[in-house]
């Protein structure tokens, strides 16, 4: 079984706001159909001590793609989660 099985459960979506929020803190929005992590550097810095900086960068890129997939069509990817709390 993949270590990424049930990855959708780690996300909250605010479809009206166009925001995907990962339980690790990454915030992803769609920009021209591409997932853009609003706080990528912050999350990379948090992941680097445990996973190494090269892995942290790759992890954030993968998470940004996941967030984008869910924002584009959440139910086709098996998402069953809720909405994020306001980040205002």
N, C-alpha and C. Protein backbone atom coordinates (compact mmCIF):
# COMPACT_ATOMS: atom_id res chain seq x y z
N UNK A 1 0.84 -1.18 0.00
CA UNK A 1 0.00 0.00 0.00
C UNK A 1 0.89 1.25 0.00
N UNK A 2 0.53 2.24 -0.79
CA UNK A 2 1.29 3.48 -0.89
C UNK A 2 1.24 4.27 0.41
N UNK A 3 2.33 4.97 0.71
CA UNK A 3 2.33 5.82 1.90
C UNK A 3 1.43 7.04 1.71
N UNK A 4 1.00 7.27 0.48
CA UNK A 4 0.14 8.41 0.19
C UNK A 4 -1.34 8.02 0.10
N UNK A 5 -1.67 6.79 0.46
CA UNK A 5 -3.05 6.35 0.40
C UNK A 5 -3.91 7.26 1.30
N UNK A 6 -5.07 7.59 0.85
CA UNK A 6 -6.02 8.46 1.55
C UNK A 6 -5.47 9.88 1.77
N UNK A 7 -4.63 10.33 0.86
CA UNK A 7 -4.04 11.66 0.99
C UNK A 7 -5.09 12.75 1.02
N UNK A 8 -6.24 12.49 0.40
CA UNK A 8 -7.29 13.51 0.33
C UNK A 8 -7.80 13.91 1.71
N UNK A 9 -7.76 12.98 2.66
CA UNK A 9 -8.28 13.23 4.00
C UNK A 9 -7.48 14.29 4.75
N UNK A 10 -6.30 14.62 4.25
CA UNK A 10 -5.45 15.60 4.93
C UNK A 10 -5.73 17.03 4.47
N UNK A 11 -6.73 17.21 3.61
CA UNK A 11 -7.03 18.52 3.04
C UNK A 11 -8.41 19.02 3.47
N UNK A 12 -8.50 20.34 3.64
CA UNK A 12 -9.77 21.04 3.78
C UNK A 12 -9.88 21.98 2.58
N UNK A 13 -11.09 22.11 2.04
CA UNK A 13 -11.27 22.96 0.86
C UNK A 13 -12.24 24.09 1.14
N UNK A 14 -11.89 25.25 0.69
CA UNK A 14 -12.78 26.39 0.65
C UNK A 14 -12.98 26.72 -0.82
N UNK A 15 -13.89 26.00 -1.45
CA UNK A 15 -14.07 26.15 -2.90
C UNK A 15 -14.47 27.58 -3.27
N UNK A 16 -15.31 28.22 -2.47
CA UNK A 16 -15.73 29.59 -2.76
C UNK A 16 -14.54 30.55 -2.70
N UNK A 17 -13.62 30.27 -1.78
CA UNK A 17 -12.43 31.10 -1.64
C UNK A 17 -11.31 30.64 -2.57
N UNK A 18 -11.48 29.46 -3.18
CA UNK A 18 -10.45 28.90 -4.03
C UNK A 18 -9.21 28.51 -3.24
N UNK A 19 -9.41 27.99 -2.03
CA UNK A 19 -8.30 27.67 -1.14
C UNK A 19 -8.34 26.21 -0.73
N UNK A 20 -7.18 25.57 -0.79
CA UNK A 20 -7.00 24.22 -0.25
C UNK A 20 -6.00 24.35 0.90
N UNK A 21 -6.36 23.81 2.06
CA UNK A 21 -5.52 23.91 3.25
C UNK A 21 -5.13 22.51 3.70
N UNK A 22 -3.84 22.22 3.67
CA UNK A 22 -3.32 20.92 4.09
C UNK A 22 -3.17 20.90 5.61
N UNK A 23 -3.31 19.75 6.22
CA UNK A 23 -3.19 19.68 7.67
C UNK A 23 -1.79 20.01 8.17
N UNK A 24 -0.82 20.05 7.29
CA UNK A 24 0.53 20.48 7.63
C UNK A 24 0.72 21.98 7.55
N UNK A 25 -0.35 22.70 7.16
CA UNK A 25 -0.30 24.16 7.12
C UNK A 25 -0.17 24.78 5.75
N UNK A 26 0.11 23.99 4.72
CA UNK A 26 0.28 24.55 3.38
C UNK A 26 -1.05 25.07 2.85
N UNK A 27 -1.03 26.29 2.31
CA UNK A 27 -2.20 26.91 1.69
C UNK A 27 -1.97 26.98 0.19
N UNK A 28 -2.91 26.40 -0.58
CA UNK A 28 -2.77 26.33 -2.03
C UNK A 28 -3.96 27.00 -2.69
N UNK A 29 -3.67 27.82 -3.69
CA UNK A 29 -4.70 28.44 -4.53
C UNK A 29 -4.38 28.11 -5.99
N UNK A 30 -5.42 28.15 -6.82
CA UNK A 30 -5.22 27.96 -8.26
C UNK A 30 -4.91 29.30 -8.90
N UNK A 31 -3.88 29.32 -9.71
CA UNK A 31 -3.54 30.49 -10.52
C UNK A 31 -3.35 29.98 -11.93
N UNK A 32 -4.26 30.36 -12.82
CA UNK A 32 -4.25 29.88 -14.20
C UNK A 32 -4.19 28.36 -14.27
N UNK A 33 -4.95 27.71 -13.40
CA UNK A 33 -5.06 26.25 -13.41
C UNK A 33 -3.91 25.51 -12.75
N UNK A 34 -2.99 26.25 -12.13
CA UNK A 34 -1.83 25.64 -11.47
C UNK A 34 -1.91 25.92 -9.98
N UNK A 35 -1.60 24.92 -9.18
CA UNK A 35 -1.60 25.10 -7.74
C UNK A 35 -0.40 25.91 -7.30
N UNK A 36 -0.67 27.00 -6.58
CA UNK A 36 0.39 27.85 -6.07
C UNK A 36 0.31 27.85 -4.55
N UNK A 37 1.40 27.45 -3.92
CA UNK A 37 1.47 27.40 -2.47
C UNK A 37 1.79 28.81 -1.96
N UNK A 38 0.85 29.38 -1.22
CA UNK A 38 1.02 30.75 -0.72
C UNK A 38 2.14 30.86 0.31
N UNK A 39 2.36 29.80 1.04
CA UNK A 39 3.35 29.83 2.12
C UNK A 39 4.40 28.72 1.94
N UNK A 40 4.81 28.51 0.69
CA UNK A 40 5.73 27.42 0.36
C UNK A 40 7.04 27.51 1.15
N UNK A 41 7.64 28.68 1.21
CA UNK A 41 8.93 28.81 1.88
C UNK A 41 8.81 28.46 3.37
N UNK A 42 7.77 28.94 3.99
CA UNK A 42 7.53 28.65 5.42
C UNK A 42 7.43 27.14 5.66
N UNK A 43 6.67 26.45 4.82
CA UNK A 43 6.48 25.02 5.00
C UNK A 43 7.76 24.26 4.67
N UNK A 44 8.47 24.67 3.61
CA UNK A 44 9.75 24.04 3.29
C UNK A 44 10.72 24.14 4.47
N UNK A 45 10.79 25.31 5.10
CA UNK A 45 11.68 25.49 6.24
C UNK A 45 11.28 24.62 7.42
N UNK A 46 9.99 24.40 7.59
CA UNK A 46 9.52 23.53 8.67
C UNK A 46 9.83 22.07 8.38
N UNK A 47 9.76 21.66 7.12
CA UNK A 47 10.01 20.27 6.74
C UNK A 47 11.49 19.92 6.64
N UNK A 48 12.33 20.90 6.31
CA UNK A 48 13.75 20.65 6.03
C UNK A 48 14.51 19.96 7.16
N UNK A 49 14.35 20.33 8.43
CA UNK A 49 15.13 19.66 9.47
C UNK A 49 14.87 18.16 9.57
N UNK A 50 13.67 17.74 9.23
CA UNK A 50 13.32 16.32 9.32
C UNK A 50 13.60 15.58 8.02
N UNK A 51 13.30 16.24 6.89
CA UNK A 51 13.34 15.55 5.59
C UNK A 51 14.48 15.98 4.67
N UNK A 52 15.24 17.00 5.06
CA UNK A 52 16.28 17.56 4.19
C UNK A 52 15.70 18.60 3.26
N UNK A 53 16.49 19.61 2.94
CA UNK A 53 15.95 20.72 2.14
C UNK A 53 15.53 20.29 0.74
N UNK A 54 16.29 19.38 0.11
CA UNK A 54 15.91 18.94 -1.23
C UNK A 54 14.59 18.17 -1.21
N UNK A 55 14.38 17.37 -0.19
CA UNK A 55 13.12 16.65 -0.07
C UNK A 55 11.97 17.58 0.30
N UNK A 56 12.24 18.56 1.14
CA UNK A 56 11.19 19.50 1.54
C UNK A 56 10.63 20.25 0.34
N UNK A 57 11.51 20.67 -0.55
CA UNK A 57 11.07 21.37 -1.76
C UNK A 57 10.19 20.46 -2.61
N UNK A 58 10.62 19.22 -2.80
CA UNK A 58 9.83 18.27 -3.59
C UNK A 58 8.49 17.97 -2.92
N UNK A 59 8.48 17.88 -1.60
CA UNK A 59 7.24 17.60 -0.87
C UNK A 59 6.24 18.74 -1.06
N UNK A 60 6.71 19.98 -0.98
CA UNK A 60 5.82 21.12 -1.15
C UNK A 60 5.27 21.16 -2.58
N UNK A 61 6.10 20.84 -3.56
CA UNK A 61 5.62 20.80 -4.95
C UNK A 61 4.52 19.74 -5.10
N UNK A 62 4.75 18.56 -4.52
CA UNK A 62 3.73 17.50 -4.60
C UNK A 62 2.45 17.93 -3.92
N UNK A 63 2.57 18.54 -2.76
CA UNK A 63 1.38 18.99 -2.03
C UNK A 63 0.64 20.08 -2.81
N UNK A 64 1.37 20.96 -3.46
CA UNK A 64 0.72 22.00 -4.27
C UNK A 64 -0.08 21.37 -5.41
N UNK A 65 0.48 20.32 -6.03
CA UNK A 65 -0.25 19.60 -7.09
C UNK A 65 -1.51 18.94 -6.52
N UNK A 66 -1.37 18.32 -5.35
CA UNK A 66 -2.54 17.68 -4.71
C UNK A 66 -3.63 18.72 -4.45
N UNK A 67 -3.25 19.85 -3.86
CA UNK A 67 -4.22 20.89 -3.56
C UNK A 67 -4.92 21.38 -4.82
N UNK A 68 -4.15 21.54 -5.89
CA UNK A 68 -4.73 21.98 -7.16
C UNK A 68 -5.71 20.94 -7.70
N UNK A 69 -5.34 19.67 -7.62
CA UNK A 69 -6.24 18.61 -8.09
C UNK A 69 -7.57 18.67 -7.36
N UNK A 70 -7.50 18.89 -6.07
CA UNK A 70 -8.74 18.93 -5.28
C UNK A 70 -9.55 20.18 -5.59
N UNK A 71 -8.90 21.29 -5.84
CA UNK A 71 -9.63 22.51 -6.18
C UNK A 71 -10.28 22.41 -7.55
N UNK A 72 -9.63 21.73 -8.47
CA UNK A 72 -10.18 21.59 -9.82
C UNK A 72 -11.40 20.68 -9.82
N UNK A 73 -11.30 19.53 -9.18
CA UNK A 73 -12.42 18.58 -9.15
C UNK A 73 -12.29 17.68 -7.93
N UNK A 74 -12.71 18.17 -6.78
CA UNK A 74 -12.45 17.44 -5.53
C UNK A 74 -13.07 16.06 -5.45
N UNK A 75 -14.24 15.89 -5.97
CA UNK A 75 -14.93 14.62 -5.79
C UNK A 75 -14.40 13.53 -6.71
N UNK A 76 -13.80 13.91 -7.83
CA UNK A 76 -13.20 12.89 -8.69
C UNK A 76 -11.93 12.32 -8.05
N UNK A 77 -11.35 13.04 -7.10
CA UNK A 77 -10.13 12.58 -6.43
C UNK A 77 -10.44 11.94 -5.08
N UNK A 78 -11.71 11.74 -4.78
CA UNK A 78 -12.08 11.03 -3.57
C UNK A 78 -12.12 11.88 -2.31
N UNK A 79 -12.12 13.21 -2.47
CA UNK A 79 -12.13 14.09 -1.30
C UNK A 79 -13.47 14.00 -0.58
N UNK A 80 -13.44 13.90 0.73
CA UNK A 80 -14.65 13.81 1.53
C UNK A 80 -14.61 14.78 2.72
N UNK A 81 -13.63 15.68 2.70
CA UNK A 81 -13.36 16.55 3.85
C UNK A 81 -14.30 17.73 3.96
N UNK A 82 -13.91 18.64 4.83
CA UNK A 82 -14.71 19.82 5.12
C UNK A 82 -14.07 21.07 4.58
N UNK A 83 -14.58 22.21 5.06
CA UNK A 83 -14.11 23.51 4.64
C UNK A 83 -13.12 24.04 5.68
N UNK A 84 -12.11 24.78 5.21
CA UNK A 84 -11.15 25.35 6.15
C UNK A 84 -11.77 26.50 6.93
N UNK A 85 -11.21 26.77 8.09
CA UNK A 85 -11.62 27.95 8.84
C UNK A 85 -11.05 29.16 8.11
N UNK A 86 -11.66 30.29 8.31
CA UNK A 86 -11.21 31.52 7.65
C UNK A 86 -9.77 31.82 8.04
N UNK A 87 -8.95 32.26 7.05
CA UNK A 87 -7.56 32.63 7.34
C UNK A 87 -7.41 34.13 7.42
N UNK A 88 -8.51 34.85 7.48
CA UNK A 88 -8.46 36.33 7.57
C UNK A 88 -8.01 36.79 8.93
